[in-house]
Amino acid sequence: MNKFDTDEEEILEAYEKGELRSTSPSKENLDKFKAAASATFIKDKRINIRISSVDLMDIQVRALEEGIPYQTFIASVLHKYASGRLIEKSSSLKARTNGMAQRRGSSSSHKASNR
């Protein structure tokens, strides 16, 4: 079961108590919502990137957790980052490392201290 944040829990409680009612948006708002949704999902550019196989596997696992294809997940993360809406949250995924970051960190700090 997904964990809910405080706002989501309040909405769920209100729904379960029957305090929420459905409303229909105005035609003007509905047209705005449709246009915004269409513009959000237009994919008119292609990019190619190289990433480590470990990172790709981790991304695929995260996408599986979200229930979406991994390429869609990557596009979503990039969109959220570019629009300033990326919020980091913990995952059940355990981070893997091959020690390179630790070695890089220790060697770069060593270089910095020798300057």
PDB file of N, CA and C in Angstrom:
ATOM      1  N   MET A   1       0.845  -1.186   0.000  1.00  0.00           N
ATOM      2  CA  MET A   1       0.000   0.000   0.000  1.00  0.00           C
ATOM      3  C   MET A   1       0.885   1.243   0.000  1.00  0.00           C
ATOM      4  N   ASN A   2       0.514   2.219  -0.795  1.00  0.00           N
ATOM      5  CA  ASN A   2       1.271   3.465  -0.849  1.00  0.00           C
ATOM      6  C   ASN A   2       1.107   4.250   0.440  1.00  0.00           C
ATOM      7  N   LYS A   3       2.151   4.946   0.830  1.00  0.00           N
ATOM      8  CA  LYS A   3       2.061   5.842   1.971  1.00  0.00           C
ATOM      9  C   LYS A   3       1.558   7.180   1.465  1.00  0.00           C
ATOM     10  N   PHE A   4       0.656   7.795   2.217  1.00  0.00           N
ATOM     11  CA  PHE A   4       0.096   9.075   1.824  1.00  0.00           C
ATOM     12  C   PHE A   4       0.710  10.191   2.652  1.00  0.00           C
ATOM     13  N   ASP A   5       0.834  11.387   2.032  1.00  0.00           N
ATOM     14  CA  ASP A   5       1.272  12.536   2.818  1.00  0.00           C
ATOM     15  C   ASP A   5       0.054  13.095   3.552  1.00  0.00           C
ATOM     16  N   THR A   6       0.245  14.109   4.369  1.00  0.00           N
ATOM     17  CA  THR A   6      -0.816  14.651   5.211  1.00  0.00           C
ATOM     18  C   THR A   6      -2.001  15.124   4.377  1.00  0.00           C
ATOM     19  N   ASP A   7      -1.728  15.855   3.297  1.00  0.00           N
ATOM     20  CA  ASP A   7      -2.812  16.353   2.446  1.00  0.00           C
ATOM     21  C   ASP A   7      -3.621  15.208   1.846  1.00  0.00           C
ATOM     22  N   GLU A   8      -2.937  14.182   1.379  1.00  0.00           N
ATOM     23  CA  GLU A   8      -3.625  13.042   0.784  1.00  0.00           C
ATOM     24  C   GLU A   8      -4.472  12.303   1.816  1.00  0.00           C
ATOM     25  N   GLU A   9      -3.955  12.181   3.046  1.00  0.00           N
ATOM     26  CA  GLU A   9      -4.724  11.530   4.101  1.00  0.00           C
ATOM     27  C   GLU A   9      -5.994  12.314   4.421  1.00  0.00           C
ATOM     28  N   GLU A  10      -5.893  13.650   4.449  1.00  0.00           N
ATOM     29  CA  GLU A  10      -7.066  14.489   4.719  1.00  0.00           C
ATOM     30  C   GLU A  10      -8.111  14.335   3.615  1.00  0.00           C
ATOM     31  N   ILE A  11      -7.656  14.285   2.380  1.00  0.00           N
ATOM     32  CA  ILE A  11      -8.587  14.112   1.259  1.00  0.00           C
ATOM     33  C   ILE A  11      -9.270  12.751   1.343  1.00  0.00           C
ATOM     34  N   LEU A  12      -8.489  11.708   1.641  1.00  0.00           N
ATOM     35  CA  LEU A  12      -9.053  10.368   1.756  1.00  0.00           C
ATOM     36  C   LEU A  12     -10.090  10.299   2.880  1.00  0.00           C
ATOM     37  N   GLU A  13      -9.772  10.906   4.023  1.00  0.00           N
ATOM     38  CA  GLU A  13     -10.729  10.915   5.148  1.00  0.00           C
ATOM     39  C   GLU A  13     -12.012  11.641   4.766  1.00  0.00           C
ATOM     40  N   ALA A  14     -11.885  12.789   4.113  1.00  0.00           N
ATOM     41  CA  ALA A  14     -13.061  13.549   3.693  1.00  0.00           C
ATOM     42  C   ALA A  14     -13.894  12.743   2.701  1.00  0.00           C
ATOM     43  N   TYR A  15     -13.223  12.053   1.785  1.00  0.00           N
ATOM     44  CA  TYR A  15     -13.927  11.214   0.812  1.00  0.00           C
ATOM     45  C   TYR A  15     -14.690  10.098   1.519  1.00  0.00           C
ATOM     46  N   GLU A  16     -14.019   9.432   2.446  1.00  0.00           N
ATOM     47  CA  GLU A  16     -14.646   8.318   3.152  1.00  0.00           C
ATOM     48  C   GLU A  16     -15.824   8.773   4.008  1.00  0.00           C
ATOM     49  N   LYS A  17     -15.804  10.020   4.490  1.00  0.00           N
ATOM     50  CA  LYS A  17     -16.913  10.570   5.292  1.00  0.00           C
ATOM     51  C   LYS A  17     -18.034  11.106   4.408  1.00  0.00           C
ATOM     52  N   GLY A  18     -17.820  11.109   3.086  1.00  0.00           N
ATOM     53  CA  GLY A  18     -18.833  11.612   2.174  1.00  0.00           C
ATOM     54  C   GLY A  18     -18.885  13.134   2.116  1.00  0.00           C
ATOM     55  N   GLU A  19     -17.799  13.790   2.525  1.00  0.00           N
ATOM     56  CA  GLU A  19     -17.761  15.248   2.567  1.00  0.00           C
ATOM     57  C   GLU A  19     -17.405  15.873   1.224  1.00  0.00           C
ATOM     58  N   LEU A  20     -16.977  15.077   0.276  1.00  0.00           N
ATOM     59  CA  LEU A  20     -16.596  15.605  -1.026  1.00  0.00           C
ATOM     60  C   LEU A  20     -17.708  15.351  -2.028  1.00  0.00           C
ATOM     61  N   ARG A  21     -17.875  16.293  -2.944  1.00  0.00           N
ATOM     62  CA  ARG A  21     -18.861  16.088  -4.008  1.00  0.00           C
ATOM     63  C   ARG A  21     -18.221  16.449  -5.344  1.00  0.00           C
ATOM     64  N   SER A  22     -18.653  15.779  -6.358  1.00  0.00           N
ATOM     65  CA  SER A  22     -18.104  15.973  -7.689  1.00  0.00           C
ATOM     66  C   SER A  22     -18.713  17.219  -8.321  1.00  0.00           C
ATOM     67  N   THR A  23     -17.881  17.984  -9.001  1.00  0.00           N
ATOM     68  CA  THR A  23     -18.361  19.138  -9.751  1.00  0.00           C
ATOM     69  C   THR A  23     -17.801  19.050 -11.160  1.00  0.00           C
ATOM     70  N   SER A  24     -18.470  19.702 -12.075  1.00  0.00           N
ATOM     71  CA  SER A  24     -18.003  19.725 -13.458  1.00  0.00           C
ATOM     72  C   SER A  24     -17.347  21.067 -13.738  1.00  0.00           C
ATOM     73  N   PRO A  25     -16.205  21.047 -14.420  1.00  0.00           N
ATOM     74  CA  PRO A  25     -15.572  22.315 -14.763  1.00  0.00           C
ATOM     75  C   PRO A  25     -16.372  23.044 -15.846  1.00  0.00           C
ATOM     76  N   SER A  26     -16.213  24.351 -15.892  1.00  0.00           N
ATOM     77  CA  SER A  26     -16.872  25.122 -16.951  1.00  0.00           C
ATOM     78  C   SER A  26     -16.256  24.725 -18.291  1.00  0.00           C
ATOM     79  N   LYS A  27     -16.961  25.016 -19.368  1.00  0.00           N
ATOM     80  CA  LYS A  27     -16.441  24.699 -20.703  1.00  0.00           C
ATOM     81  C   LYS A  27     -15.107  25.409 -20.923  1.00  0.00           C
ATOM     82  N   GLU A  28     -15.012  26.653 -20.460  1.00  0.00           N
ATOM     83  CA  GLU A  28     -13.770  27.424 -20.616  1.00  0.00           C
ATOM     84  C   GLU A  28     -12.615  26.748 -19.875  1.00  0.00           C
ATOM     85  N   ASN A  29     -12.848  26.335 -18.626  1.00  0.00           N
ATOM     86  CA  ASN A  29     -11.796  25.663 -17.852  1.00  0.00           C
ATOM     87  C   ASN A  29     -11.453  24.307 -18.451  1.00  0.00           C
ATOM     88  N   LEU A  30     -12.450  23.593 -18.918  1.00  0.00           N
ATOM     89  CA  LEU A  30     -12.204  22.287 -19.517  1.00  0.00           C
ATOM     90  C   LEU A  30     -11.322  22.427 -20.752  1.00  0.00           C
ATOM     91  N   ASP A  31     -11.570  23.439 -21.571  1.00  0.00           N
ATOM     92  CA  ASP A  31     -10.740  23.683 -22.748  1.00  0.00           C
ATOM     93  C   ASP A  31      -9.307  24.015 -22.335  1.00  0.00           C
ATOM     94  N   LYS A  32      -9.136  24.801 -21.267  1.00  0.00           N
ATOM     95  CA  LYS A  32      -7.804  25.149 -20.768  1.00  0.00           C
ATOM     96  C   LYS A  32      -7.073  23.902 -20.273  1.00  0.00           C
ATOM     97  N   PHE A  33      -7.788  23.055 -19.537  1.00  0.00           N
ATOM     98  CA  PHE A  33      -7.186  21.829 -19.002  1.00  0.00           C
ATOM     99  C   PHE A  33      -6.744  20.901 -20.131  1.00  0.00           C
ATOM    100  N   LYS A  34      -7.581  20.777 -21.148  1.00  0.00           N
ATOM    101  CA  LYS A  34      -7.245  19.915 -22.282  1.00  0.00           C
ATOM    102  C   LYS A  34      -6.012  20.439 -23.017  1.00  0.00           C
ATOM    103  N   ALA A  35      -5.959  21.754 -23.225  1.00  0.00           N
ATOM    104  CA  ALA A  35      -4.816  22.351 -23.921  1.00  0.00           C
ATOM    105  C   ALA A  35      -3.536  22.162 -23.114  1.00  0.00           C
ATOM    106  N   ALA A  36      -3.617  22.357 -21.796  1.00  0.00           N
ATOM    107  CA  ALA A  36      -2.444  22.186 -20.940  1.00  0.00           C
ATOM    108  C   ALA A  36      -1.969  20.739 -20.946  1.00  0.00           C
ATOM    109  N   ALA A  37      -2.903  19.798 -20.883  1.00  0.00           N
ATOM    110  CA  ALA A  37      -2.545  18.379 -20.887  1.00  0.00           C
ATOM    111  C   ALA A  37      -1.887  17.995 -22.209  1.00  0.00           C
ATOM    112  N   SER A  38      -2.435  18.482 -23.308  1.00  0.00           N
ATOM    113  CA  SER A  38      -1.856  18.171 -24.619  1.00  0.00           C
ATOM    114  C   SER A  38      -0.451  18.743 -24.751  1.00  0.00           C
ATOM    115  N   ALA A  39      -0.267  19.987 -24.305  1.00  0.00           N
ATOM    116  CA  ALA A  39       1.045  20.633 -24.415  1.00  0.00           C
ATOM    117  C   ALA A  39       2.079  19.941 -23.542  1.00  0.00           C
ATOM    118  N   THR A  40       1.649  19.417 -22.419  1.00  0.00           N
ATOM    119  CA  THR A  40       2.566  18.760 -21.491  1.00  0.00           C
ATOM    120  C   THR A  40       3.159  17.497 -22.098  1.00  0.00           C
ATOM    121  N   PHE A  41       2.391  16.791 -22.884  1.00  0.00           N
ATOM    122  CA  PHE A  41       2.830  15.492 -23.368  1.00  0.00           C
ATOM    123  C   PHE A  41       3.320  15.489 -24.809  1.00  0.00           C
ATOM    124  N   ILE A  42       3.458  16.662 -25.404  1.00  0.00           N
ATOM    125  CA  ILE A  42       4.009  16.726 -26.748  1.00  0.00           C
ATOM    126  C   ILE A  42       5.504  16.428 -26.659  1.00  0.00           C
ATOM    127  N   LYS A  43       5.928  15.447 -27.388  1.00  0.00           N
ATOM    128  CA  LYS A  43       7.341  15.077 -27.393  1.00  0.00           C
ATOM    129  C   LYS A  43       7.856  15.280 -28.812  1.00  0.00           C
ATOM    130  N   ASP A  44       8.511  16.411 -29.017  1.00  0.00           N
ATOM    131  CA  ASP A  44       8.944  16.743 -30.362  1.00  0.00           C
ATOM    132  C   ASP A  44      10.458  16.744 -30.534  1.00  0.00           C
ATOM    133  N   LYS A  45      11.187  16.363 -29.499  1.00  0.00           N
ATOM    134  CA  LYS A  45      12.647  16.296 -29.591  1.00  0.00           C
ATOM    135  C   LYS A  45      13.123  14.953 -29.054  1.00  0.00           C
ATOM    136  N   ARG A  46      14.215  14.501 -29.629  1.00  0.00           N
ATOM    137  CA  ARG A  46      14.803  13.232 -29.213  1.00  0.00           C
ATOM    138  C   ARG A  46      16.213  13.509 -28.694  1.00  0.00           C
ATOM    139  N   ILE A  47      16.593  12.844 -27.610  1.00  0.00           N
ATOM    140  CA  ILE A  47      17.960  12.945 -27.102  1.00  0.00           C
ATOM    141  C   ILE A  47      18.510  11.542 -26.897  1.00  0.00           C
ATOM    142  N   ASN A  48      19.802  11.435 -26.929  1.00  0.00           N
ATOM    143  CA  ASN A  48      20.481  10.181 -26.615  1.00  0.00           C
ATOM    144  C   ASN A  48      21.474  10.466 -25.504  1.00  0.00           C
ATOM    145  N   ILE A  49      21.447   9.647 -24.482  1.00  0.00           N
ATOM    146  CA  ILE A  49      22.395   9.795 -23.383  1.00  0.00           C
ATOM    147  C   ILE A  49      23.007   8.444 -23.062  1.00  0.00           C
ATOM    148  N   ARG A  50      24.172   8.493 -22.474  1.00  0.00           N
ATOM    149  CA  ARG A  50      24.830   7.266 -22.021  1.00  0.00           C
ATOM    150  C   ARG A  50      24.837   7.297 -20.506  1.00  0.00           C
ATOM    151  N   ILE A  51      24.352   6.220 -19.901  1.00  0.00           N
ATOM    152  CA  ILE A  51      24.378   6.100 -18.444  1.00  0.00           C
ATOM    153  C   ILE A  51      24.880   4.710 -18.090  1.00  0.00           C
ATOM    154  N   SER A  52      25.262   4.546 -16.857  1.00  0.00           N
ATOM    155  CA  SER A  52      25.771   3.237 -16.437  1.00  0.00           C
ATOM    156  C   SER A  52      24.639   2.213 -16.402  1.00  0.00           C
ATOM    157  N   SER A  53      24.997   0.972 -16.573  1.00  0.00           N
ATOM    158  CA  SER A  53      23.989  -0.088 -16.549  1.00  0.00           C
ATOM    159  C   SER A  53      23.337  -0.183 -15.174  1.00  0.00           C
ATOM    160  N   VAL A  54      24.098   0.113 -14.129  1.00  0.00           N
ATOM    161  CA  VAL A  54      23.542   0.078 -12.771  1.00  0.00           C
ATOM    162  C   VAL A  54      22.477   1.166 -12.616  1.00  0.00           C
ATOM    163  N   ASP A  55      22.774   2.385 -13.099  1.00  0.00           N
ATOM    164  CA  ASP A  55      21.786   3.460 -13.026  1.00  0.00           C
ATOM    165  C   ASP A  55      20.543   3.117 -13.831  1.00  0.00           C
ATOM    166  N   LEU A  56      20.714   2.537 -15.016  1.00  0.00           N
ATOM    167  CA  LEU A  56      19.573   2.155 -15.832  1.00  0.00           C
ATOM    168  C   LEU A  56      18.717   1.115 -15.111  1.00  0.00           C
ATOM    169  N   MET A  57      19.344   0.140 -14.487  1.00  0.00           N
ATOM    170  CA  MET A  57      18.579  -0.870 -13.748  1.00  0.00           C
ATOM    171  C   MET A  57      17.806  -0.223 -12.603  1.00  0.00           C
ATOM    172  N   ASP A  58      18.450   0.705 -11.892  1.00  0.00           N
ATOM    173  CA  ASP A  58      17.772   1.391 -10.788  1.00  0.00           C
ATOM    174  C   ASP A  58      16.590   2.215 -11.300  1.00  0.00           C
ATOM    175  N   ILE A  59      16.776   2.889 -12.436  1.00  0.00           N
ATOM    176  CA  ILE A  59      15.699   3.672 -13.041  1.00  0.00           C
ATOM    177  C   ILE A  59      14.545   2.757 -13.443  1.00  0.00           C
ATOM    178  N   GLN A  60      14.872   1.609 -14.022  1.00  0.00           N
ATOM    179  CA  GLN A  60      13.831   0.675 -14.425  1.00  0.00           C
ATOM    180  C   GLN A  60      13.041   0.162 -13.226  1.00  0.00           C
ATOM    181  N   VAL A  61      13.729  -0.056 -12.107  1.00  0.00           N
ATOM    182  CA  VAL A  61      13.041  -0.495 -10.891  1.00  0.00           C
ATOM    183  C   VAL A  61      12.117   0.602 -10.382  1.00  0.00           C
ATOM    184  N   ARG A  62      12.621   1.840 -10.363  1.00  0.00           N
ATOM    185  CA  ARG A  62      11.790   2.967  -9.908  1.00  0.00           C
ATOM    186  C   ARG A  62      10.569   3.134 -10.809  1.00  0.00           C
ATOM    187  N   ALA A  63      10.766   2.992 -12.118  1.00  0.00           N
ATOM    188  CA  ALA A  63       9.643   3.095 -13.055  1.00  0.00           C
ATOM    189  C   ALA A  63       8.628   1.987 -12.788  1.00  0.00           C
ATOM    190  N   LEU A  64       9.116   0.795 -12.502  1.00  0.00           N
ATOM    191  CA  LEU A  64       8.232  -0.320 -12.174  1.00  0.00           C
ATOM    192  C   LEU A  64       7.430  -0.013 -10.914  1.00  0.00           C
ATOM    193  N   GLU A  65       8.079   0.588  -9.916  1.00  0.00           N
ATOM    194  CA  GLU A  65       7.378   1.000  -8.695  1.00  0.00           C
ATOM    195  C   GLU A  65       6.245   1.979  -9.007  1.00  0.00           C
ATOM    196  N   GLU A  66       6.480   2.851  -9.996  1.00  0.00           N
ATOM    197  CA  GLU A  66       5.477   3.849 -10.385  1.00  0.00           C
ATOM    198  C   GLU A  66       4.444   3.267 -11.356  1.00  0.00           C
ATOM    199  N   GLY A  67       4.759   2.110 -11.927  1.00  0.00           N
ATOM    200  CA  GLY A  67       3.831   1.465 -12.852  1.00  0.00           C
ATOM    201  C   GLY A  67       3.837   2.072 -14.244  1.00  0.00           C
ATOM    202  N   ILE A  68       4.995   2.624 -14.658  1.00  0.00           N
ATOM    203  CA  ILE A  68       5.089   3.234 -15.980  1.00  0.00           C
ATOM    204  C   ILE A  68       6.354   2.754 -16.680  1.00  0.00           C
ATOM    205  N   PRO A  69       6.408   2.845 -18.009  1.00  0.00           N
ATOM    206  CA  PRO A  69       7.625   2.467 -18.733  1.00  0.00           C
ATOM    207  C   PRO A  69       8.807   3.347 -18.305  1.00  0.00           C
ATOM    208  N   TYR A  70      10.014   2.804 -18.331  1.00  0.00           N
ATOM    209  CA  TYR A  70      11.159   3.545 -17.811  1.00  0.00           C
ATOM    210  C   TYR A  70      11.473   4.797 -18.617  1.00  0.00           C
ATOM    211  N   GLN A  71      11.247   4.775 -19.941  1.00  0.00           N
ATOM    212  CA  GLN A  71      11.509   5.976 -20.736  1.00  0.00           C
ATOM    213  C   GLN A  71      10.527   7.088 -20.383  1.00  0.00           C
ATOM    214  N   THR A  72       9.281   6.730 -20.115  1.00  0.00           N
ATOM    215  CA  THR A  72       8.283   7.700 -19.664  1.00  0.00           C
ATOM    216  C   THR A  72       8.682   8.242 -18.304  1.00  0.00           C
ATOM    217  N   PHE A  73       9.190   7.377 -17.436  1.00  0.00           N
ATOM    218  CA  PHE A  73       9.640   7.796 -16.110  1.00  0.00           C
ATOM    219  C   PHE A  73      10.779   8.807 -16.221  1.00  0.00           C
ATOM    220  N   ILE A  74      11.743   8.528 -17.090  1.00  0.00           N
ATOM    221  CA  ILE A  74      12.875   9.446 -17.279  1.00  0.00           C
ATOM    222  C   ILE A  74      12.367  10.797 -17.785  1.00  0.00           C
ATOM    223  N   ALA A  75      11.473  10.780 -18.774  1.00  0.00           N
ATOM    224  CA  ALA A  75      10.923  12.031 -19.310  1.00  0.00           C
ATOM    225  C   ALA A  75      10.177  12.801 -18.224  1.00  0.00           C
ATOM    226  N   SER A  76       9.455  12.083 -17.372  1.00  0.00           N
ATOM    227  CA  SER A  76       8.717  12.726 -16.284  1.00  0.00           C
ATOM    228  C   SER A  76       9.657  13.381 -15.284  1.00  0.00           C
ATOM    229  N   VAL A  77      10.713  12.681 -14.913  1.00  0.00           N
ATOM    230  CA  VAL A  77      11.697  13.237 -13.973  1.00  0.00           C
ATOM    231  C   VAL A  77      12.343  14.487 -14.565  1.00  0.00           C
ATOM    232  N   LEU A  78      12.735  14.422 -15.825  1.00  0.00           N
ATOM    233  CA  LEU A  78      13.349  15.577 -16.479  1.00  0.00           C
ATOM    234  C   LEU A  78      12.372  16.752 -16.553  1.00  0.00           C
ATOM    235  N   HIS A  79      11.108  16.476 -16.862  1.00  0.00           N
ATOM    236  CA  HIS A  79      10.098  17.534 -16.929  1.00  0.00           C
ATOM    237  C   HIS A  79       9.907  18.187 -15.556  1.00  0.00           C
ATOM    238  N   LYS A  80       9.804  17.355 -14.529  1.00  0.00           N
ATOM    239  CA  LYS A  80       9.633  17.906 -13.176  1.00  0.00           C
ATOM    240  C   LYS A  80      10.838  18.732 -12.765  1.00  0.00           C
ATOM    241  N   TYR A  81      12.034  18.278 -13.093  1.00  0.00           N
ATOM    242  CA  TYR A  81      13.240  19.029 -12.763  1.00  0.00           C
ATOM    243  C   TYR A  81      13.262  20.360 -13.508  1.00  0.00           C
ATOM    244  N   ALA A  82      12.991  20.315 -14.801  1.00  0.00           N
ATOM    245  CA  ALA A  82      13.045  21.528 -15.621  1.00  0.00           C
ATOM    246  C   ALA A  82      11.998  22.550 -15.195  1.00  0.00           C
ATOM    247  N   SER A  83      10.856  22.083 -14.695  1.00  0.00           N
ATOM    248  CA  SER A  83       9.797  23.004 -14.281  1.00  0.00           C
ATOM    249  C   SER A  83       9.886  23.372 -12.800  1.00  0.00           C
ATOM    250  N   GLY A  84      10.937  22.877 -12.112  1.00  0.00           N
ATOM    251  CA  GLY A  84      11.125  23.225 -10.704  1.00  0.00           C
ATOM    252  C   GLY A  84      10.197  22.503  -9.754  1.00  0.00           C
ATOM    253  N   ARG A  85       9.608  21.404 -10.195  1.00  0.00           N
ATOM    254  CA  ARG A  85       8.659  20.685  -9.348  1.00  0.00           C
ATOM    255  C   ARG A  85       9.173  19.328  -8.877  1.00  0.00           C
ATOM    256  N   LEU A  86      10.454  19.084  -9.027  1.00  0.00           N
ATOM    257  CA  LEU A  86      10.998  17.795  -8.617  1.00  0.00           C
ATOM    258  C   LEU A  86      11.135  17.765  -7.104  1.00  0.00           C
ATOM    259  N   ILE A  87      10.459  16.819  -6.493  1.00  0.00           N
ATOM    260  CA  ILE A  87      10.524  16.641  -5.043  1.00  0.00           C
ATOM    261  C   ILE A  87      11.078  15.256  -4.790  1.00  0.00           C
ATOM    262  N   GLU A  88      12.215  15.200  -4.110  1.00  0.00           N
ATOM    263  CA  GLU A  88      12.845  13.911  -3.853  1.00  0.00           C
ATOM    264  C   GLU A  88      12.144  13.217  -2.705  1.00  0.00           C
ATOM    265  N   LYS A  89      11.841  11.946  -2.894  1.00  0.00           N
ATOM    266  CA  LYS A  89      11.278  11.156  -1.811  1.00  0.00           C
ATOM    267  C   LYS A  89      11.995   9.824  -1.764  1.00  0.00           C
ATOM    268  N   SER A  90      11.988   9.214  -0.616  1.00  0.00           N
ATOM    269  CA  SER A  90      12.708   7.960  -0.465  1.00  0.00           C
ATOM    270  C   SER A  90      11.975   6.844  -1.194  1.00  0.00           C
ATOM    271  N   SER A  91      12.702   5.812  -1.494  1.00  0.00           N
ATOM    272  CA  SER A  91      12.172   4.667  -2.220  1.00  0.00           C
ATOM    273  C   SER A  91      12.515   3.399  -1.465  1.00  0.00           C
ATOM    274  N   SER A  92      11.805   2.338  -1.789  1.00  0.00           N
ATOM    275  CA  SER A  92      12.154   1.038  -1.227  1.00  0.00           C
ATOM    276  C   SER A  92      13.406   0.497  -1.906  1.00  0.00           C
ATOM    277  N   LEU A  93      13.817   1.161  -2.989  1.00  0.00           N
ATOM    278  CA  LEU A  93      15.009   0.772  -3.740  1.00  0.00           C
ATOM    279  C   LEU A  93      16.253   1.074  -2.917  1.00  0.00           C
ATOM    280  N   LYS A  94      17.125   0.092  -2.792  1.00  0.00           N
ATOM    281  CA  LYS A  94      18.389   0.312  -2.096  1.00  0.00           C
ATOM    282  C   LYS A  94      19.422   0.784  -3.105  1.00  0.00           C
ATOM    283  N   ALA A  95      20.069   1.887  -2.799  1.00  0.00           N
ATOM    284  CA  ALA A  95      21.081   2.430  -3.709  1.00  0.00           C
ATOM    285  C   ALA A  95      22.255   1.472  -3.786  1.00  0.00           C
ATOM    286  N   ARG A  96      22.742   1.294  -5.002  1.00  0.00           N
ATOM    287  CA  ARG A  96      23.913   0.443  -5.203  1.00  0.00           C
ATOM    288  C   ARG A  96      25.097   1.316  -5.543  1.00  0.00           C
ATOM    289  N   THR A  97      26.254   0.897  -5.136  1.00  0.00           N
ATOM    290  CA  THR A  97      27.463   1.625  -5.502  1.00  0.00           C
ATOM    291  C   THR A  97      28.572   0.627  -5.741  1.00  0.00           C
ATOM    292  N   ASN A  98      29.434   0.984  -6.651  1.00  0.00           N
ATOM    293  CA  ASN A  98      30.572   0.099  -6.902  1.00  0.00           C
ATOM    294  C   ASN A  98      31.830   0.676  -6.263  1.00  0.00           C
ATOM    295  N   GLY A  99      31.638   1.730  -5.439  1.00  0.00           N
ATOM    296  CA  GLY A  99      32.765   2.311  -4.739  1.00  0.00           C
ATOM    297  C   GLY A  99      33.458   3.419  -5.499  1.00  0.00           C
ATOM    298  N   MET A 100      33.095   3.632  -6.772  1.00  0.00           N
ATOM    299  CA  MET A 100      33.764   4.657  -7.575  1.00  0.00           C
ATOM    300  C   MET A 100      33.552   6.049  -6.983  1.00  0.00           C
ATOM    301  N   ALA A 101      32.334   6.341  -6.512  1.00  0.00           N
ATOM    302  CA  ALA A 101      32.059   7.674  -5.959  1.00  0.00           C
ATOM    303  C   ALA A 101      32.920   7.909  -4.726  1.00  0.00           C
ATOM    304  N   GLN A 102      33.078   6.873  -3.927  1.00  0.00           N
ATOM    305  CA  GLN A 102      33.904   7.030  -2.732  1.00  0.00           C
ATOM    306  C   GLN A 102      35.365   7.242  -3.128  1.00  0.00           C
ATOM    307  N   ARG A 103      35.823   6.476  -4.107  1.00  0.00           N
ATOM    308  CA  ARG A 103      37.212   6.645  -4.547  1.00  0.00           C
ATOM    309  C   ARG A 103      37.416   8.017  -5.176  1.00  0.00           C
ATOM    310  N   ARG A 104      36.439   8.444  -6.011  1.00  0.00           N
ATOM    311  CA  ARG A 104      36.541   9.760  -6.633  1.00  0.00           C
ATOM    312  C   ARG A 104      36.547  10.846  -5.574  1.00  0.00           C
ATOM    313  N   GLY A 105      35.649  10.711  -4.594  1.00  0.00           N
ATOM    314  CA  GLY A 105      35.549  11.705  -3.527  1.00  0.00           C
ATOM    315  C   GLY A 105      36.831  11.808  -2.736  1.00  0.00           C
ATOM    316  N   SER A 106      37.436  10.675  -2.435  1.00  0.00           N
ATOM    317  CA  SER A 106      38.659  10.717  -1.639  1.00  0.00           C
ATOM    318  C   SER A 106      39.820  11.252  -2.454  1.00  0.00           C
ATOM    319  N   SER A 107      39.858  10.942  -3.748  1.00  0.00           N
ATOM    320  CA  SER A 107      40.970  11.432  -4.547  1.00  0.00           C
ATOM    321  C   SER A 107      40.810  12.911  -4.835  1.00  0.00           C
ATOM    322  N   SER A 108      39.568  13.391  -5.039  1.00  0.00           N
ATOM    323  CA  SER A 108      39.386  14.814  -5.321  1.00  0.00           C
ATOM    324  C   SER A 108      39.634  15.641  -4.071  1.00  0.00           C
ATOM    325  N   SER A 109      39.272  15.110  -2.892  1.00  0.00           N
ATOM    326  CA  SER A 109      39.538  15.858  -1.668  1.00  0.00           C
ATOM    327  C   SER A 109      41.036  15.881  -1.406  1.00  0.00           C
ATOM    328  N   HIS A 110      41.732  14.802  -1.811  1.00  0.00           N
ATOM    329  CA  HIS A 110      43.168  14.742  -1.644  1.00  0.00           C
ATOM    330  C   HIS A 110      43.819  15.788  -2.562  1.00  0.00           C
ATOM    331  N   LYS A 111      43.332  15.880  -3.816  1.00  0.00           N
ATOM    332  CA  LYS A 111      43.865  16.859  -4.750  1.00  0.00           C
ATOM    333  C   LYS A 111      43.624  18.257  -4.234  1.00  0.00           C
ATOM    334  N   ALA A 112      42.414  18.498  -3.694  1.00  0.00           N
ATOM    335  CA  ALA A 112      42.085  19.842  -3.212  1.00  0.00           C
ATOM    336  C   ALA A 112      42.968  20.232  -2.048  1.00  0.00           C
ATOM    337  N   SER A 113      43.322  19.280  -1.200  1.00  0.00           N
ATOM    338  CA  SER A 113      44.144  19.618  -0.042  1.00  0.00           C
ATOM    339  C   SER A 113      45.587  19.855  -0.440  1.00  0.00           C
ATOM    340  N   ASN A 114      46.011  19.384  -1.613  1.00  0.00           N
ATOM    341  CA  ASN A 114      47.390  19.583  -2.065  1.00  0.00           C
ATOM    342  C   ASN A 114      47.582  20.895  -2.802  1.00  0.00           C
ATOM    343  N   ARG A 115      46.500  21.645  -3.038  1.00  0.00           N
ATOM    344  CA  ARG A 115      46.616  22.899  -3.788  1.00  0.00           C
ATOM    345  C   ARG A 115      47.054  24.039  -2.925  1.00  0.00           C
TER     346      ARG A 115
END
